[in-house]
Amino acid sequence: MEFDVNRVLSRLTVAHRKANEEAMCEIGLHSGQVQILASLWEKDGQSQADLVRDLCVSPPTVNKMVARLSDANFVSTKKCPEDKRLMRVY
């Protein structure tokens, strides 16, 4: 019984991931970009350094993903009013 439940859960996970990736592809998103959007959903206006820590990816990866999301009008970036060196992602 336990083996059957594990197999069903594994297949369900794969099917869910595939359906999610297909749906995101239809609107021009990739799985990593969705994670940035989800993080911003929880806390809008994060810096790229915050996103690096939250998602456990490298700064260049976040920079590239944010740039592509910005180009596609999924996010916008603004300089932080308190610290002009920081860019906030919305």
PDB file of N, CA and C in Angstrom:
ATOM      1  N   MET A   1       0.823  -1.200   0.000  1.00  0.00           N
ATOM      2  CA  MET A   1       0.000   0.000   0.000  1.00  0.00           C
ATOM      3  C   MET A   1       0.867   1.264   0.000  1.00  0.00           C
ATOM      4  N   GLU A   2       1.889   1.303   0.870  1.00  0.00           N
ATOM      5  CA  GLU A   2       2.742   2.484   0.950  1.00  0.00           C
ATOM      6  C   GLU A   2       3.433   2.747  -0.380  1.00  0.00           C
ATOM      7  N   PHE A   3       3.894   1.682  -1.039  1.00  0.00           N
ATOM      8  CA  PHE A   3       4.546   1.831  -2.336  1.00  0.00           C
ATOM      9  C   PHE A   3       3.595   2.453  -3.352  1.00  0.00           C
ATOM     10  N   ASP A   4       2.353   2.021  -3.366  1.00  0.00           N
ATOM     11  CA  ASP A   4       1.365   2.551  -4.306  1.00  0.00           C
ATOM     12  C   ASP A   4       1.084   4.024  -4.051  1.00  0.00           C
ATOM     13  N   VAL A   5       0.993   4.428  -2.805  1.00  0.00           N
ATOM     14  CA  VAL A   5       0.748   5.831  -2.470  1.00  0.00           C
ATOM     15  C   VAL A   5       1.928   6.684  -2.920  1.00  0.00           C
ATOM     16  N   ASN A   6       3.141   6.213  -2.670  1.00  0.00           N
ATOM     17  CA  ASN A   6       4.327   6.954  -3.099  1.00  0.00           C
ATOM     18  C   ASN A   6       4.375   7.101  -4.612  1.00  0.00           C
ATOM     19  N   ARG A   7       4.027   6.033  -5.313  1.00  0.00           N
ATOM     20  CA  ARG A   7       4.036   6.093  -6.776  1.00  0.00           C
ATOM     21  C   ARG A   7       2.982   7.068  -7.286  1.00  0.00           C
ATOM     22  N   VAL A   8       1.799   7.050  -6.707  1.00  0.00           N
ATOM     23  CA  VAL A   8       0.731   7.968  -7.116  1.00  0.00           C
ATOM     24  C   VAL A   8       1.137   9.413  -6.825  1.00  0.00           C
ATOM     25  N   LEU A   9       1.703   9.663  -5.651  1.00  0.00           N
ATOM     26  CA  LEU A   9       2.139  11.019  -5.309  1.00  0.00           C
ATOM     27  C   LEU A   9       3.251  11.495  -6.241  1.00  0.00           C
ATOM     28  N   SER A  10       4.159  10.610  -6.584  1.00  0.00           N
ATOM     29  CA  SER A  10       5.234  10.962  -7.510  1.00  0.00           C
ATOM     30  C   SER A  10       4.679  11.338  -8.883  1.00  0.00           C
ATOM     31  N   ARG A  11       3.762  10.534  -9.380  1.00  0.00           N
ATOM     32  CA  ARG A  11       3.147  10.831 -10.687  1.00  0.00           C
ATOM     33  C   ARG A  11       2.342  12.117 -10.647  1.00  0.00           C
ATOM     34  N   LEU A  12       1.646  12.346  -9.540  1.00  0.00           N
ATOM     35  CA  LEU A  12       0.873  13.575  -9.381  1.00  0.00           C
ATOM     36  C   LEU A  12       1.787  14.795  -9.375  1.00  0.00           C
ATOM     37  N   THR A  13       2.912  14.696  -8.702  1.00  0.00           N
ATOM     38  CA  THR A  13       3.876  15.794  -8.657  1.00  0.00           C
ATOM     39  C   THR A  13       4.407  16.114 -10.048  1.00  0.00           C
ATOM     40  N   VAL A  14       4.774  15.082 -10.794  1.00  0.00           N
ATOM     41  CA  VAL A  14       5.282  15.277 -12.150  1.00  0.00           C
ATOM     42  C   VAL A  14       4.206  15.896 -13.045  1.00  0.00           C
ATOM     43  N   ALA A  15       2.984  15.407 -12.956  1.00  0.00           N
ATOM     44  CA  ALA A  15       1.890  15.943 -13.773  1.00  0.00           C
ATOM     45  C   ALA A  15       1.594  17.393 -13.417  1.00  0.00           C
ATOM     46  N   HIS A  16       1.640  17.717 -12.127  1.00  0.00           N
ATOM     47  CA  HIS A  16       1.389  19.092 -11.694  1.00  0.00           C
ATOM     48  C   HIS A  16       2.482  20.025 -12.209  1.00  0.00           C
ATOM     49  N   ARG A  17       3.737  19.613 -12.091  1.00  0.00           N
ATOM     50  CA  ARG A  17       4.843  20.433 -12.577  1.00  0.00           C
ATOM     51  C   ARG A  17       4.728  20.662 -14.078  1.00  0.00           C
ATOM     52  N   LYS A  18       4.396  19.613 -14.822  1.00  0.00           N
ATOM     53  CA  LYS A  18       4.275  19.732 -16.275  1.00  0.00           C
ATOM     54  C   LYS A  18       3.131  20.676 -16.656  1.00  0.00           C
ATOM     55  N   ALA A  19       1.988  20.534 -16.005  1.00  0.00           N
ATOM     56  CA  ALA A  19       0.844  21.415 -16.287  1.00  0.00           C
ATOM     57  C   ALA A  19       1.178  22.856 -15.938  1.00  0.00           C
ATOM     58  N   ASN A  20       1.875  23.049 -14.825  1.00  0.00           N
ATOM     59  CA  ASN A  20       2.256  24.395 -14.408  1.00  0.00           C
ATOM     60  C   ASN A  20       3.223  25.022 -15.413  1.00  0.00           C
ATOM     61  N   GLU A  21       4.221  24.259 -15.846  1.00  0.00           N
ATOM     62  CA  GLU A  21       5.190  24.776 -16.811  1.00  0.00           C
ATOM     63  C   GLU A  21       4.521  25.107 -18.143  1.00  0.00           C
ATOM     64  N   GLU A  22       3.575  24.286 -18.584  1.00  0.00           N
ATOM     65  CA  GLU A  22       2.863  24.563 -19.835  1.00  0.00           C
ATOM     66  C   GLU A  22       2.031  25.836 -19.724  1.00  0.00           C
ATOM     67  N   ALA A  23       1.359  26.014 -18.598  1.00  0.00           N
ATOM     68  CA  ALA A  23       0.542  27.215 -18.395  1.00  0.00           C
ATOM     69  C   ALA A  23       1.408  28.462 -18.350  1.00  0.00           C
ATOM     70  N   MET A  24       2.547  28.379 -17.680  1.00  0.00           N
ATOM     71  CA  MET A  24       3.448  29.530 -17.595  1.00  0.00           C
ATOM     72  C   MET A  24       4.067  29.845 -18.958  1.00  0.00           C
ATOM     73  N   CYS A  25       4.362  28.802 -19.714  1.00  0.00           N
ATOM     74  CA  CYS A  25       4.941  28.986 -21.049  1.00  0.00           C
ATOM     75  C   CYS A  25       3.976  29.752 -21.957  1.00  0.00           C
ATOM     76  N   GLU A  26       2.687  29.497 -21.802  1.00  0.00           N
ATOM     77  CA  GLU A  26       1.677  30.177 -22.624  1.00  0.00           C
ATOM     78  C   GLU A  26       1.689  31.689 -22.425  1.00  0.00           C
ATOM     79  N   ILE A  27       2.085  32.140 -21.242  1.00  0.00           N
ATOM     80  CA  ILE A  27       2.138  33.591 -21.003  1.00  0.00           C
ATOM     81  C   ILE A  27       3.569  34.115 -21.001  1.00  0.00           C
ATOM     82  N   GLY A  28       4.519  33.269 -21.419  1.00  0.00           N
ATOM     83  CA  GLY A  28       5.893  33.711 -21.596  1.00  0.00           C
ATOM     84  C   GLY A  28       6.763  33.669 -20.355  1.00  0.00           C
ATOM     85  N   LEU A  29       6.438  32.826 -19.394  1.00  0.00           N
ATOM     86  CA  LEU A  29       7.230  32.715 -18.172  1.00  0.00           C
ATOM     87  C   LEU A  29       7.934  31.375 -18.090  1.00  0.00           C
ATOM     88  N   HIS A  30       9.058  31.373 -17.363  1.00  0.00           N
ATOM     89  CA  HIS A  30       9.789  30.147 -17.063  1.00  0.00           C
ATOM     90  C   HIS A  30       9.681  29.880 -15.568  1.00  0.00           C
ATOM     91  N   SER A  31       9.982  28.661 -15.153  1.00  0.00           N
ATOM     92  CA  SER A  31       9.763  28.269 -13.755  1.00  0.00           C
ATOM     93  C   SER A  31      10.526  29.144 -12.765  1.00  0.00           C
ATOM     94  N   GLY A  32      11.751  29.509 -13.051  1.00  0.00           N
ATOM     95  CA  GLY A  32      12.509  30.368 -12.148  1.00  0.00           C
ATOM     96  C   GLY A  32      11.885  31.742 -12.000  1.00  0.00           C
ATOM     97  N   GLN A  33      11.355  32.253 -13.090  1.00  0.00           N
ATOM     98  CA  GLN A  33      10.704  33.561 -13.048  1.00  0.00           C
ATOM     99  C   GLN A  33       9.461  33.518 -12.173  1.00  0.00           C
ATOM    100  N   VAL A  34       8.765  32.412 -12.195  1.00  0.00           N
ATOM    101  CA  VAL A  34       7.572  32.260 -11.368  1.00  0.00           C
ATOM    102  C   VAL A  34       7.950  32.343  -9.893  1.00  0.00           C
ATOM    103  N   GLN A  35       9.108  31.793  -9.545  1.00  0.00           N
ATOM    104  CA  GLN A  35       9.541  31.856  -8.150  1.00  0.00           C
ATOM    105  C   GLN A  35       9.812  33.292  -7.719  1.00  0.00           C
ATOM    106  N   ILE A  36      10.355  34.101  -8.605  1.00  0.00           N
ATOM    107  CA  ILE A  36      10.557  35.519  -8.278  1.00  0.00           C
ATOM    108  C   ILE A  36       9.213  36.195  -8.080  1.00  0.00           C
ATOM    109  N   LEU A  37       8.268  35.932  -8.967  1.00  0.00           N
ATOM    110  CA  LEU A  37       6.941  36.542  -8.834  1.00  0.00           C
ATOM    111  C   LEU A  37       6.257  36.101  -7.541  1.00  0.00           C
ATOM    112  N   ALA A  38       6.420  34.836  -7.179  1.00  0.00           N
ATOM    113  CA  ALA A  38       5.824  34.341  -5.933  1.00  0.00           C
ATOM    114  C   ALA A  38       6.453  35.019  -4.725  1.00  0.00           C
ATOM    115  N   SER A  39       7.750  35.214  -4.760  1.00  0.00           N
ATOM    116  CA  SER A  39       8.433  35.897  -3.656  1.00  0.00           C
ATOM    117  C   SER A  39       7.956  37.348  -3.555  1.00  0.00           C
ATOM    118  N   LEU A  40       7.788  37.994  -4.697  1.00  0.00           N
ATOM    119  CA  LEU A  40       7.302  39.382  -4.701  1.00  0.00           C
ATOM    120  C   LEU A  40       5.839  39.452  -4.276  1.00  0.00           C
ATOM    121  N   TRP A  41       5.072  38.401  -4.552  1.00  0.00           N
ATOM    122  CA  TRP A  41       3.678  38.352  -4.112  1.00  0.00           C
ATOM    123  C   TRP A  41       3.614  38.397  -2.588  1.00  0.00           C
ATOM    124  N   GLU A  42       4.531  37.652  -1.961  1.00  0.00           N
ATOM    125  CA  GLU A  42       4.568  37.622  -0.503  1.00  0.00           C
ATOM    126  C   GLU A  42       5.084  38.931   0.086  1.00  0.00           C
ATOM    127  N   LYS A  43       6.093  39.524  -0.575  1.00  0.00           N
ATOM    128  CA  LYS A  43       6.666  40.776  -0.085  1.00  0.00           C
ATOM    129  C   LYS A  43       7.109  41.606  -1.280  1.00  0.00           C
ATOM    130  N   ASP A  44       6.279  42.531  -1.681  1.00  0.00           N
ATOM    131  CA  ASP A  44       6.564  43.380  -2.831  1.00  0.00           C
ATOM    132  C   ASP A  44       7.647  44.392  -2.474  1.00  0.00           C
ATOM    133  N   GLY A  45       8.402  44.807  -3.479  1.00  0.00           N
ATOM    134  CA  GLY A  45       9.402  45.842  -3.270  1.00  0.00           C
ATOM    135  C   GLY A  45      10.707  45.347  -2.679  1.00  0.00           C
ATOM    136  N   GLN A  46      11.036  44.089  -2.905  1.00  0.00           N
ATOM    137  CA  GLN A  46      12.298  43.547  -2.407  1.00  0.00           C
ATOM    138  C   GLN A  46      13.458  44.037  -3.266  1.00  0.00           C
ATOM    139  N   SER A  47      14.626  44.085  -2.660  1.00  0.00           N
ATOM    140  CA  SER A  47      15.829  44.350  -3.435  1.00  0.00           C
ATOM    141  C   SER A  47      16.256  43.047  -4.113  1.00  0.00           C
ATOM    142  N   GLN A  48      17.142  43.172  -5.090  1.00  0.00           N
ATOM    143  CA  GLN A  48      17.632  41.964  -5.735  1.00  0.00           C
ATOM    144  C   GLN A  48      18.428  41.112  -4.747  1.00  0.00           C
ATOM    145  N   ALA A  49      19.117  41.745  -3.804  1.00  0.00           N
ATOM    146  CA  ALA A  49      19.840  40.985  -2.769  1.00  0.00           C
ATOM    147  C   ALA A  49      18.867  40.179  -1.915  1.00  0.00           C
ATOM    148  N   ASP A  50      17.696  40.760  -1.611  1.00  0.00           N
ATOM    149  CA  ASP A  50      16.672  40.020  -0.870  1.00  0.00           C
ATOM    150  C   ASP A  50      16.222  38.795  -1.665  1.00  0.00           C
ATOM    151  N   LEU A  51      16.024  38.965  -2.967  1.00  0.00           N
ATOM    152  CA  LEU A  51      15.586  37.855  -3.818  1.00  0.00           C
ATOM    153  C   LEU A  51      16.657  36.774  -3.900  1.00  0.00           C
ATOM    154  N   VAL A  52      17.922  37.180  -3.957  1.00  0.00           N
ATOM    155  CA  VAL A  52      19.027  36.212  -3.979  1.00  0.00           C
ATOM    156  C   VAL A  52      18.968  35.350  -2.725  1.00  0.00           C
ATOM    157  N   ARG A  53      18.807  35.987  -1.569  1.00  0.00           N
ATOM    158  CA  ARG A  53      18.745  35.235  -0.308  1.00  0.00           C
ATOM    159  C   ARG A  53      17.493  34.366  -0.245  1.00  0.00           C
ATOM    160  N   ASP A  54      16.365  34.909  -0.673  1.00  0.00           N
ATOM    161  CA  ASP A  54      15.097  34.176  -0.585  1.00  0.00           C
ATOM    162  C   ASP A  54      15.082  32.956  -1.494  1.00  0.00           C
ATOM    163  N   LEU A  55      15.630  33.083  -2.684  1.00  0.00           N
ATOM    164  CA  LEU A  55      15.552  32.010  -3.677  1.00  0.00           C
ATOM    165  C   LEU A  55      16.795  31.123  -3.722  1.00  0.00           C
ATOM    166  N   CYS A  56      17.843  31.524  -2.986  1.00  0.00           N
ATOM    167  CA  CYS A  56      19.094  30.738  -2.944  1.00  0.00           C
ATOM    168  C   CYS A  56      19.691  30.540  -4.343  1.00  0.00           C
ATOM    169  N   VAL A  57      19.770  31.641  -5.084  1.00  0.00           N
ATOM    170  CA  VAL A  57      20.406  31.623  -6.398  1.00  0.00           C
ATOM    171  C   VAL A  57      21.452  32.732  -6.434  1.00  0.00           C
ATOM    172  N   SER A  58      22.249  32.763  -7.481  1.00  0.00           N
ATOM    173  CA  SER A  58      23.334  33.738  -7.568  1.00  0.00           C
ATOM    174  C   SER A  58      22.804  35.115  -7.976  1.00  0.00           C
ATOM    175  N   PRO A  59      23.525  36.176  -7.603  1.00  0.00           N
ATOM    176  CA  PRO A  59      23.118  37.527  -8.008  1.00  0.00           C
ATOM    177  C   PRO A  59      22.968  37.698  -9.523  1.00  0.00           C
ATOM    178  N   PRO A  60      23.896  37.169 -10.350  1.00  0.00           N
ATOM    179  CA  PRO A  60      23.690  37.327 -11.795  1.00  0.00           C
ATOM    180  C   PRO A  60      22.405  36.650 -12.297  1.00  0.00           C
ATOM    181  N   THR A  61      22.038  35.534 -11.675  1.00  0.00           N
ATOM    182  CA  THR A  61      20.804  34.846 -12.072  1.00  0.00           C
ATOM    183  C   THR A  61      19.593  35.711 -11.786  1.00  0.00           C
ATOM    184  N   VAL A  62      19.541  36.289 -10.588  1.00  0.00           N
ATOM    185  CA  VAL A  62      18.416  37.159 -10.239  1.00  0.00           C
ATOM    186  C   VAL A  62      18.418  38.389 -11.139  1.00  0.00           C
ATOM    187  N   ASN A  63      19.579  38.959 -11.379  1.00  0.00           N
ATOM    188  CA  ASN A  63      19.671  40.146 -12.232  1.00  0.00           C
ATOM    189  C   ASN A  63      19.105  39.866 -13.621  1.00  0.00           C
ATOM    190  N   LYS A  64      19.471  38.730 -14.189  1.00  0.00           N
ATOM    191  CA  LYS A  64      19.005  38.365 -15.531  1.00  0.00           C
ATOM    192  C   LYS A  64      17.494  38.103 -15.536  1.00  0.00           C
ATOM    193  N   MET A  65      17.005  37.385 -14.510  1.00  0.00           N
ATOM    194  CA  MET A  65      15.573  37.085 -14.454  1.00  0.00           C
ATOM    195  C   MET A  65      14.748  38.356 -14.260  1.00  0.00           C
ATOM    196  N   VAL A  66      15.208  39.239 -13.380  1.00  0.00           N
ATOM    197  CA  VAL A  66      14.489  40.497 -13.156  1.00  0.00           C
ATOM    198  C   VAL A  66      14.492  41.342 -14.429  1.00  0.00           C
ATOM    199  N   ALA A  67      15.619  41.388 -15.127  1.00  0.00           N
ATOM    200  CA  ALA A  67      15.692  42.156 -16.378  1.00  0.00           C
ATOM    201  C   ALA A  67      14.701  41.613 -17.407  1.00  0.00           C
ATOM    202  N   ARG A  68      14.626  40.304 -17.532  1.00  0.00           N
ATOM    203  CA  ARG A  68      13.691  39.703 -18.503  1.00  0.00           C
ATOM    204  C   ARG A  68      12.237  39.917 -18.089  1.00  0.00           C
ATOM    205  N   LEU A  69      11.964  39.796 -16.792  1.00  0.00           N
ATOM    206  CA  LEU A  69      10.601  40.044 -16.309  1.00  0.00           C
ATOM    207  C   LEU A  69      10.223  41.513 -16.507  1.00  0.00           C
ATOM    208  N   SER A  70      11.172  42.395 -16.314  1.00  0.00           N
ATOM    209  CA  SER A  70      10.926  43.821 -16.522  1.00  0.00           C
ATOM    210  C   SER A  70      10.669  44.120 -18.001  1.00  0.00           C
ATOM    211  N   ASP A  71      11.486  43.527 -18.880  1.00  0.00           N
ATOM    212  CA  ASP A  71      11.300  43.709 -20.324  1.00  0.00           C
ATOM    213  C   ASP A  71       9.930  43.223 -20.784  1.00  0.00           C
ATOM    214  N   ALA A  72       9.420  42.177 -20.128  1.00  0.00           N
ATOM    215  CA  ALA A  72       8.117  41.609 -20.484  1.00  0.00           C
ATOM    216  C   ALA A  72       6.973  42.260 -19.696  1.00  0.00           C
ATOM    217  N   ASN A  73       7.284  43.292 -18.924  1.00  0.00           N
ATOM    218  CA  ASN A  73       6.293  44.047 -18.138  1.00  0.00           C
ATOM    219  C   ASN A  73       5.596  43.226 -17.048  1.00  0.00           C
ATOM    220  N   PHE A  74       6.296  42.224 -16.501  1.00  0.00           N
ATOM    221  CA  PHE A  74       5.759  41.480 -15.370  1.00  0.00           C
ATOM    222  C   PHE A  74       6.143  42.141 -14.053  1.00  0.00           C
ATOM    223  N   VAL A  75       7.288  42.836 -14.034  1.00  0.00           N
ATOM    224  CA  VAL A  75       7.743  43.560 -12.844  1.00  0.00           C
ATOM    225  C   VAL A  75       8.250  44.928 -13.262  1.00  0.00           C
ATOM    226  N   SER A  76       8.396  45.786 -12.274  1.00  0.00           N
ATOM    227  CA  SER A  76       9.062  47.071 -12.512  1.00  0.00           C
ATOM    228  C   SER A  76      10.120  47.244 -11.432  1.00  0.00           C
ATOM    229  N   THR A  77      11.117  48.049 -11.729  1.00  0.00           N
ATOM    230  CA  THR A  77      12.172  48.328 -10.765  1.00  0.00           C
ATOM    231  C   THR A  77      12.228  49.831 -10.520  1.00  0.00           C
ATOM    232  N   LYS A  78      12.505  50.186  -9.275  1.00  0.00           N
ATOM    233  CA  LYS A  78      12.636  51.599  -8.893  1.00  0.00           C
ATOM    234  C   LYS A  78      13.755  51.721  -7.884  1.00  0.00           C
ATOM    235  N   LYS A  79      14.455  52.851  -7.952  1.00  0.00           N
ATOM    236  CA  LYS A  79      15.489  53.103  -6.949  1.00  0.00           C
ATOM    237  C   LYS A  79      14.841  53.301  -5.595  1.00  0.00           C
ATOM    238  N   CYS A  80      15.501  52.777  -4.583  1.00  0.00           N
ATOM    239  CA  CYS A  80      15.021  52.911  -3.211  1.00  0.00           C
ATOM    240  C   CYS A  80      15.164  54.372  -2.782  1.00  0.00           C
ATOM    241  N   PRO A  81      14.094  54.988  -2.271  1.00  0.00           N
ATOM    242  CA  PRO A  81      14.191  56.397  -1.875  1.00  0.00           C
ATOM    243  C   PRO A  81      15.168  56.637  -0.719  1.00  0.00           C
ATOM    244  N   GLU A  82      15.319  55.631   0.176  1.00  0.00           N
ATOM    245  CA  GLU A  82      16.219  55.788   1.317  1.00  0.00           C
ATOM    246  C   GLU A  82      17.678  55.530   0.956  1.00  0.00           C
ATOM    247  N   ASP A  83      17.918  54.649  -0.010  1.00  0.00           N
ATOM    248  CA  ASP A  83      19.278  54.276  -0.399  1.00  0.00           C
ATOM    249  C   ASP A  83      19.316  54.166  -1.915  1.00  0.00           C
ATOM    250  N   LYS A  84      19.782  55.193  -2.561  1.00  0.00           N
ATOM    251  CA  LYS A  84      19.762  55.266  -4.030  1.00  0.00           C
ATOM    252  C   LYS A  84      20.605  54.176  -4.709  1.00  0.00           C
ATOM    253  N   ARG A  85      21.423  53.462  -3.933  1.00  0.00           N
ATOM    254  CA  ARG A  85      22.214  52.373  -4.519  1.00  0.00           C
ATOM    255  C   ARG A  85      21.367  51.133  -4.759  1.00  0.00           C
ATOM    256  N   LEU A  86      20.252  51.015  -4.042  1.00  0.00           N
ATOM    257  CA  LEU A  86      19.397  49.834  -4.135  1.00  0.00           C
ATOM    258  C   LEU A  86      18.300  50.013  -5.167  1.00  0.00           C
ATOM    259  N   MET A  87      18.040  48.921  -5.895  1.00  0.00           N
ATOM    260  CA  MET A  87      16.900  48.879  -6.795  1.00  0.00           C
ATOM    261  C   MET A  87      15.862  47.954  -6.164  1.00  0.00           C
ATOM    262  N   ARG A  88      14.642  48.437  -6.063  1.00  0.00           N
ATOM    263  CA  ARG A  88      13.548  47.629  -5.537  1.00  0.00           C
ATOM    264  C   ARG A  88      12.768  47.045  -6.713  1.00  0.00           C
ATOM    265  N   VAL A  89      12.287  45.833  -6.530  1.00  0.00           N
ATOM    266  CA  VAL A  89      11.544  45.133  -7.583  1.00  0.00           C
ATOM    267  C   VAL A  89      10.082  45.040  -7.141  1.00  0.00           C
ATOM    268  N   TYR A  90       9.200  45.463  -8.004  1.00  0.00           N
ATOM    269  CA  TYR A  90       7.751  45.466  -7.721  1.00  0.00           C
ATOM    270  C   TYR A  90       7.004  44.687  -8.784  1.00  0.00           C
TER     271      TYR A  90
END
